[in-house]
Amino acid sequence: MIFGVFAPQGWKMELVGIEDPQAKWATTLATTLLAEELGYDSIWVYDHFHNVPVPAHETMFEAWTTMAALAQATSTIRLGQMVSCAGYRNPGLVAKITSTIDVISGGRLDWGIGAGWYEHEYRAYGYEYPSNADRIRMLRETVEIVRLMWSEPDATYTGRHFSIDGAQCDPKPLQDPHPPIWIGGGGEQLTLRVVARYADRSNFGGKPHEWTHKCEVLKAHCAEVGRDYDEIVKTWSPEVFIREDEQEIIDGGTRSSWGEPYESWRDGNLVGTPEQICEKLAHYQSLDCGGIVPWCTDYPEHETLRLLAEQVMPEFRS
């Protein structure tokens, strides 16, 4: 299985207890370096500008500048976004950003892309907030343009939402044939159809029965477009909270950023002792899950980060 992990970046208010913005950044960097030392495959960031569950005038480091900084500070861990919002940047610029990050990192980019959903954030920053269908069409056109610019000397494309005319993207990414494309989202009629056509990795969530249903929908879309379903690695981004003492988990209650009740939150995420986490992950693995990119709910502490690396990951790498 792929084992990625998010860096503390501010989105879920995890840095609010640290006063100095530079100290907040030092926490992001130190956690990333620790994840690399612990053997995680990849470190991930969110592409958001405002905090959740509501904007709070609290630090939220921007995704791609954060990626560039982490690329220079690390040497082996891969660098991903879960996921970059297709509506926030022109696709030609995205091709240039991603190829640059791949080069300066020595070929370690995992490109995550999604349709976007945070309406308040869109409107606050002056972006139009199109319909769901149009946002997913923008996602598809973004993927098509970026793939074209990664490979063609002079790229030309005319779409409903985006166009380029003789766009050059040099240097090209280092990875051959290109950086892995991770498409986030579980929309069954449109998003998973884009996944079937273009994704190397698909990231969606859900409890086991929900996960299984999404996989079946994706399998049907793959059959329709002539794609081998097994070529696409299916990944999950749950929240994770691990303690060796079960009672500590129970006493702590829900750690959901959205206020989800404890039982539901625990049932739908990776919450438990290392043994319980291994059991749940093995079940998801049997359902075609090929990796996880979890959010550690005890940030800026590192206990969950360490327990996942030291007592869970080895069970899936032996």
Protein backbone atom coordinates (compact mmCIF):
# COMPACT_ATOMS: atom_id res chain seq x y z
CA MET A 1 0.00 0.00 0.00
CA ILE A 2 0.94 3.62 -0.55
CA PHE A 3 1.34 5.48 2.74
CA GLY A 4 1.16 9.24 2.40
CA VAL A 5 0.28 11.75 5.09
CA PHE A 6 -0.80 15.38 5.20
CA ALA A 7 1.46 18.09 6.55
CA PRO A 8 0.00 20.47 9.15
CA GLN A 9 -0.79 23.51 7.04
CA GLY A 10 -3.45 25.37 9.00
CA TRP A 11 -6.61 24.34 7.15
CA LYS A 12 -8.19 22.48 10.07
CA MET A 13 -7.04 25.03 12.67
CA GLU A 14 -4.28 22.70 13.86
CA LEU A 15 -1.72 25.52 14.12
CA VAL A 16 -3.93 27.92 16.08
CA GLY A 17 -2.07 27.26 19.34
CA ILE A 18 1.21 28.54 17.84
CA GLU A 19 1.35 32.34 17.87
CA ASP A 20 4.22 33.27 15.54
CA PRO A 21 3.60 32.60 11.82
CA GLN A 22 7.25 31.62 11.39
CA ALA A 23 6.90 29.09 14.20
CA LYS A 24 3.82 27.73 12.46
CA TRP A 25 5.85 27.25 9.28
CA ALA A 26 8.63 25.62 11.31
CA THR A 27 6.02 23.09 12.50
CA THR A 28 4.96 22.32 8.92
CA LEU A 29 8.57 21.81 7.90
CA ALA A 30 9.56 19.76 10.96
CA THR A 31 6.59 17.44 10.49
CA THR A 32 7.47 16.93 6.83
CA LEU A 33 11.07 16.08 7.68
CA LEU A 34 9.90 13.66 10.37
CA ALA A 35 7.52 11.97 7.91
CA GLU A 36 10.43 11.51 5.50
CA GLU A 37 12.58 10.09 8.30
CA LEU A 38 9.80 7.69 9.35
CA GLY A 39 9.54 6.27 5.84
CA TYR A 40 6.28 7.69 4.54
CA ASP A 41 5.99 7.50 0.76
CA SER A 42 4.61 11.00 0.34
CA ILE A 43 3.70 14.26 2.07
CA TRP A 44 0.51 16.10 1.07
CA VAL A 45 -1.06 19.56 1.30
CA TYR A 46 -4.58 20.90 0.86
CA ASP A 47 -5.28 23.56 -1.79
CA HIS A 48 -7.32 26.04 0.23
CA PHE A 49 -7.12 29.70 1.25
CA HIS A 50 -9.56 29.79 4.20
CA ASN A 51 -9.86 27.56 7.26
CA VAL A 52 -12.65 25.12 8.04
CA PRO A 53 -15.27 24.66 9.32
CA VAL A 54 -15.50 28.47 8.91
CA PRO A 55 -12.92 31.09 7.83
CA ALA A 56 -11.16 32.18 11.01
CA HIS A 57 -8.37 34.66 10.14
CA GLU A 58 -5.95 31.86 10.98
CA THR A 59 -2.84 30.77 9.08
CA MET A 60 -3.42 28.67 5.97
CA PHE A 61 -0.26 28.17 3.93
CA GLU A 62 -0.81 28.20 0.15
CA ALA A 63 -0.39 24.82 -1.54
CA TRP A 64 2.05 25.32 -4.39
CA THR A 65 4.46 27.72 -2.66
CA THR A 66 4.47 25.25 0.23
CA MET A 67 5.27 22.43 -2.26
CA ALA A 68 8.21 24.38 -3.67
CA ALA A 69 9.65 24.99 -0.21
CA LEU A 70 9.20 21.36 0.86
CA ALA A 71 10.77 20.17 -2.38
CA GLN A 72 13.98 21.94 -1.46
CA ALA A 73 13.97 20.82 2.17
CA THR A 74 13.46 17.09 1.45
CA SER A 75 15.25 14.51 -0.67
CA THR A 76 13.24 11.27 -0.90
CA ILE A 77 9.60 11.77 0.09
CA ARG A 78 7.12 12.38 -2.74
CA LEU A 79 5.11 15.62 -2.86
CA GLY A 80 1.36 15.70 -3.43
CA GLN A 81 -1.74 17.91 -3.29
CA MET A 82 -5.10 16.52 -2.21
CA VAL A 83 -6.21 18.15 -4.36
CA SER A 84 -5.26 21.19 -6.39
CA CYS A 85 -8.45 23.05 -7.39
CA ALA A 86 -8.98 23.24 -11.14
CA GLY A 87 -10.89 26.51 -10.81
CA TYR A 88 -8.15 28.45 -9.04
CA ARG A 89 -5.46 28.50 -11.75
CA ASN A 90 -5.30 28.62 -15.51
CA PRO A 91 -4.38 25.12 -16.78
CA GLY A 92 -1.40 26.43 -18.72
CA LEU A 93 -0.02 27.91 -15.51
CA VAL A 94 -0.69 24.61 -13.73
CA ALA A 95 1.35 22.77 -16.36
CA LYS A 96 4.22 25.19 -15.80
CA ILE A 97 3.99 24.96 -11.99
CA THR A 98 3.84 21.17 -11.93
CA SER A 99 6.69 20.67 -14.38
CA THR A 100 8.83 23.10 -12.38
CA ILE A 101 8.07 21.32 -9.09
CA ASP A 102 8.89 17.95 -10.67
CA VAL A 103 12.27 19.24 -11.84
CA ILE A 104 13.31 21.00 -8.65
CA SER A 105 12.27 17.98 -6.56
CA GLY A 106 14.19 15.53 -8.74
CA GLY A 107 11.05 13.84 -10.07
CA ARG A 108 9.00 13.51 -6.87
CA LEU A 109 5.71 15.19 -7.82
CA ASP A 110 2.35 13.46 -7.40
CA TRP A 111 -0.11 15.78 -9.13
CA GLY A 112 -3.47 15.85 -7.38
CA ILE A 113 -6.35 17.65 -9.09
CA GLY A 114 -10.04 18.07 -8.30
CA ALA A 115 -13.09 20.13 -9.24
CA GLY A 116 -13.26 22.26 -6.06
CA TRP A 117 -16.19 22.72 -3.68
CA TYR A 118 -15.53 25.47 -1.09
CA GLU A 119 -17.98 28.11 -2.39
CA HIS A 120 -17.20 30.73 0.26
CA GLU A 121 -13.53 30.55 -0.66
CA TYR A 122 -14.23 30.83 -4.39
CA ARG A 123 -16.34 33.94 -3.99
CA ALA A 124 -14.09 35.55 -1.37
CA TYR A 125 -11.14 35.39 -3.76
CA GLY A 126 -13.10 36.67 -6.72
CA TYR A 127 -13.55 33.39 -8.58
CA GLU A 128 -16.86 32.53 -10.19
CA TYR A 129 -18.48 29.44 -8.68
CA PRO A 130 -19.80 27.43 -11.63
CA SER A 131 -22.28 24.59 -11.46
CA ASN A 132 -21.12 21.13 -10.41
CA ALA A 133 -21.19 19.96 -14.02
CA ASP A 134 -19.15 22.94 -15.25
CA ARG A 135 -16.59 22.57 -12.46
CA ILE A 136 -16.05 18.94 -13.45
CA ARG A 137 -15.78 19.93 -17.13
CA MET A 138 -13.11 22.44 -16.05
CA LEU A 139 -11.37 19.60 -14.22
CA ARG A 140 -11.39 17.43 -17.35
CA GLU A 141 -10.10 20.24 -19.57
CA THR A 142 -7.37 21.06 -17.04
CA VAL A 143 -6.14 17.47 -17.08
CA GLU A 144 -6.21 17.36 -20.88
CA ILE A 145 -4.29 20.64 -21.23
CA VAL A 146 -1.67 19.77 -18.60
CA ARG A 147 -1.03 16.34 -20.15
CA LEU A 148 -0.69 17.99 -23.56
CA MET A 149 1.74 20.64 -22.33
CA TRP A 150 3.79 18.05 -20.46
CA SER A 151 4.37 16.18 -23.72
CA GLU A 152 4.09 18.51 -26.74
CA PRO A 153 6.68 21.13 -27.79
CA ASP A 154 3.92 23.60 -28.71
CA ALA A 155 0.49 22.79 -27.32
CA THR A 156 -2.81 24.02 -28.74
CA TYR A 157 -6.23 23.20 -27.30
CA THR A 158 -9.70 24.70 -27.52
CA GLY A 159 -12.25 23.73 -24.89
CA ARG A 160 -15.49 25.08 -23.50
CA HIS A 161 -13.76 26.74 -20.56
CA PHE A 162 -10.04 26.88 -21.39
CA SER A 163 -7.87 27.33 -24.45
CA ILE A 164 -4.16 27.50 -25.21
CA ASP A 165 -2.46 28.39 -28.48
CA GLY A 166 1.12 27.30 -29.07
CA ALA A 167 1.88 27.08 -25.35
CA GLN A 168 5.41 25.96 -24.50
CA CYS A 169 6.19 24.24 -21.20
CA ASP A 170 9.92 23.87 -20.66
CA PRO A 171 11.45 22.12 -18.92
CA LYS A 172 9.18 19.10 -19.15
CA PRO A 173 8.61 17.00 -16.02
CA LEU A 174 11.37 14.51 -15.25
CA GLN A 175 9.08 11.54 -14.65
CA ASP A 176 8.40 9.26 -17.59
CA PRO A 177 5.83 9.29 -19.09
CA HIS A 178 4.64 11.99 -16.66
CA PRO A 179 4.02 12.58 -12.93
CA PRO A 180 1.24 10.36 -11.55
CA ILE A 181 -2.15 12.03 -11.88
CA TRP A 182 -4.33 11.74 -8.77
CA ILE A 183 -7.95 12.78 -9.29
CA GLY A 184 -9.91 13.41 -6.12
CA GLY A 185 -13.67 13.08 -5.74
CA GLY A 186 -16.34 10.42 -5.81
CA GLY A 187 -19.06 11.96 -7.98
CA GLU A 188 -20.47 8.95 -9.73
CA GLN A 189 -21.82 10.34 -13.00
CA LEU A 190 -19.09 12.82 -13.93
CA THR A 191 -16.00 12.79 -11.69
CA LEU A 192 -15.44 9.04 -11.76
CA ARG A 193 -15.86 9.12 -15.55
CA VAL A 194 -12.93 11.57 -15.72
CA VAL A 195 -11.02 9.26 -13.37
CA ALA A 196 -11.65 6.33 -15.70
CA ARG A 197 -10.17 8.22 -18.64
CA TYR A 198 -7.19 9.98 -17.13
CA ALA A 199 -6.25 9.06 -13.55
CA ASP A 200 -3.30 7.00 -12.42
CA ARG A 201 -4.64 7.24 -8.88
CA SER A 202 -8.20 7.85 -7.69
CA ASN A 203 -8.93 9.26 -4.25
CA PHE A 204 -12.38 8.94 -2.70
CA GLY A 205 -13.71 7.91 0.67
CA GLY A 206 -16.58 6.27 2.46
CA LYS A 207 -17.30 3.50 4.90
CA PRO A 208 -16.66 0.01 3.50
CA HIS A 209 -20.06 -0.39 1.82
CA GLU A 210 -19.81 3.12 0.35
CA TRP A 211 -16.24 2.52 -0.80
CA THR A 212 -17.26 -0.74 -2.49
CA HIS A 213 -20.07 1.00 -4.34
CA LYS A 214 -17.74 3.73 -5.64
CA CYS A 215 -15.32 1.08 -6.88
CA GLU A 216 -18.13 -0.66 -8.77
CA VAL A 217 -19.17 2.61 -10.38
CA LEU A 218 -15.58 3.32 -11.40
CA LYS A 219 -15.25 -0.19 -12.79
CA ALA A 220 -18.32 0.38 -14.98
CA HIS A 221 -16.95 3.68 -16.29
CA CYS A 222 -13.63 1.98 -17.09
CA ALA A 223 -15.46 -0.66 -19.09
CA GLU A 224 -17.31 2.03 -21.03
CA VAL A 225 -14.13 3.87 -22.04
CA GLY A 226 -11.99 0.76 -22.56
CA ARG A 227 -9.70 1.33 -19.58
CA ASP A 228 -8.23 -1.42 -17.41
CA TYR A 229 -9.77 -0.80 -13.98
CA ASP A 230 -6.80 -2.40 -12.25
CA GLU A 231 -4.42 0.20 -13.74
CA ILE A 232 -5.94 2.81 -11.43
CA VAL A 233 -4.75 2.73 -7.82
CA LYS A 234 -7.67 3.53 -5.52
CA THR A 235 -6.71 5.53 -2.41
CA TRP A 236 -8.48 6.86 0.68
CA SER A 237 -7.92 10.01 2.75
CA PRO A 238 -9.43 9.41 6.19
CA GLU A 239 -8.74 11.21 9.40
CA VAL A 240 -6.47 9.15 11.64
CA PHE A 241 -6.04 9.07 15.40
CA ILE A 242 -4.00 6.32 17.04
CA ARG A 243 -3.26 5.63 20.68
CA GLU A 244 -1.97 2.45 22.31
CA ASP A 245 -4.52 2.89 25.13
CA GLU A 246 -8.10 2.33 23.94
CA GLN A 247 -9.53 4.29 26.86
CA GLU A 248 -7.60 7.39 25.83
CA ILE A 249 -9.34 7.26 22.46
CA ILE A 250 -12.77 6.91 24.02
CA ASP A 251 -12.19 9.64 26.59
CA GLY A 252 -11.01 12.04 23.88
CA GLY A 253 -14.31 11.90 22.00
CA THR A 254 -14.70 13.08 18.43
CA ARG A 255 -11.86 14.97 16.79
CA SER A 256 -13.85 15.68 13.66
CA SER A 257 -13.27 19.14 12.19
CA TRP A 258 -16.92 19.14 11.13
CA GLY A 259 -18.42 18.17 14.50
CA GLU A 260 -19.35 14.64 13.45
CA PRO A 261 -20.54 12.52 16.42
CA TYR A 262 -17.91 10.21 17.92
CA GLU A 263 -19.33 6.84 16.86
CA SER A 264 -19.87 7.91 13.26
CA TRP A 265 -16.49 9.63 13.11
CA ARG A 266 -14.69 6.58 14.46
CA ASP A 267 -16.58 4.24 12.16
CA GLY A 268 -15.73 6.21 9.03
CA ASN A 269 -12.07 6.97 9.75
CA LEU A 270 -8.90 5.31 11.07
CA VAL A 271 -9.40 5.69 14.79
CA GLY A 272 -8.14 3.13 17.28
CA THR A 273 -5.17 1.22 18.57
CA PRO A 274 -2.46 0.11 16.14
CA GLU A 275 -3.98 -3.37 16.04
CA GLN A 276 -7.44 -1.99 15.26
CA ILE A 277 -6.02 0.26 12.54
CA CYS A 278 -4.24 -2.71 10.93
CA GLU A 279 -7.47 -4.73 10.95
CA LYS A 280 -9.46 -1.94 9.34
CA LEU A 281 -6.81 -1.20 6.73
CA ALA A 282 -6.58 -4.87 5.81
CA HIS A 283 -10.32 -4.84 5.20
CA TYR A 284 -10.05 -1.82 2.90
CA GLN A 285 -7.12 -3.43 1.13
CA SER A 286 -9.33 -6.44 0.41
CA LEU A 287 -11.79 -3.99 -1.18
CA ASP A 288 -9.19 -2.75 -3.72
CA CYS A 289 -7.77 0.11 -1.63
CA GLY A 290 -4.17 0.59 -2.71
CA GLY A 291 -3.11 3.31 -0.31
CA ILE A 292 -4.03 6.00 2.19
CA VAL A 293 -3.28 9.69 2.58
CA PRO A 294 -4.61 10.42 6.08
CA TRP A 295 -4.92 13.55 8.18
CA CYS A 296 -3.44 13.22 11.70
CA THR A 297 -6.03 14.71 14.05
CA ASP A 298 -3.57 15.26 16.89
CA TYR A 299 -1.38 17.76 14.99
CA PRO A 300 0.79 19.58 15.90
CA GLU A 301 1.67 16.56 18.08
CA HIS A 302 3.33 13.62 16.32
CA GLU A 303 2.14 10.58 18.27
CA THR A 304 -0.27 9.39 15.59
CA LEU A 305 2.29 10.09 12.85
CA ARG A 306 4.85 7.92 14.68
CA LEU A 307 2.48 5.08 15.62
CA LEU A 308 1.17 4.80 12.06
CA ALA A 309 4.71 4.59 10.71
CA GLU A 310 6.18 2.32 13.35
CA GLN A 311 3.32 -0.08 14.16
CA VAL A 312 1.01 -0.08 11.13
CA MET A 313 3.01 0.52 7.96
CA PRO A 314 5.39 -2.41 8.53
CA GLU A 315 2.42 -4.81 8.57
CA PHE A 316 1.63 -3.84 4.97
CA ARG A 317 5.19 -3.81 3.70
CA SER A 318 6.46 -7.17 4.86
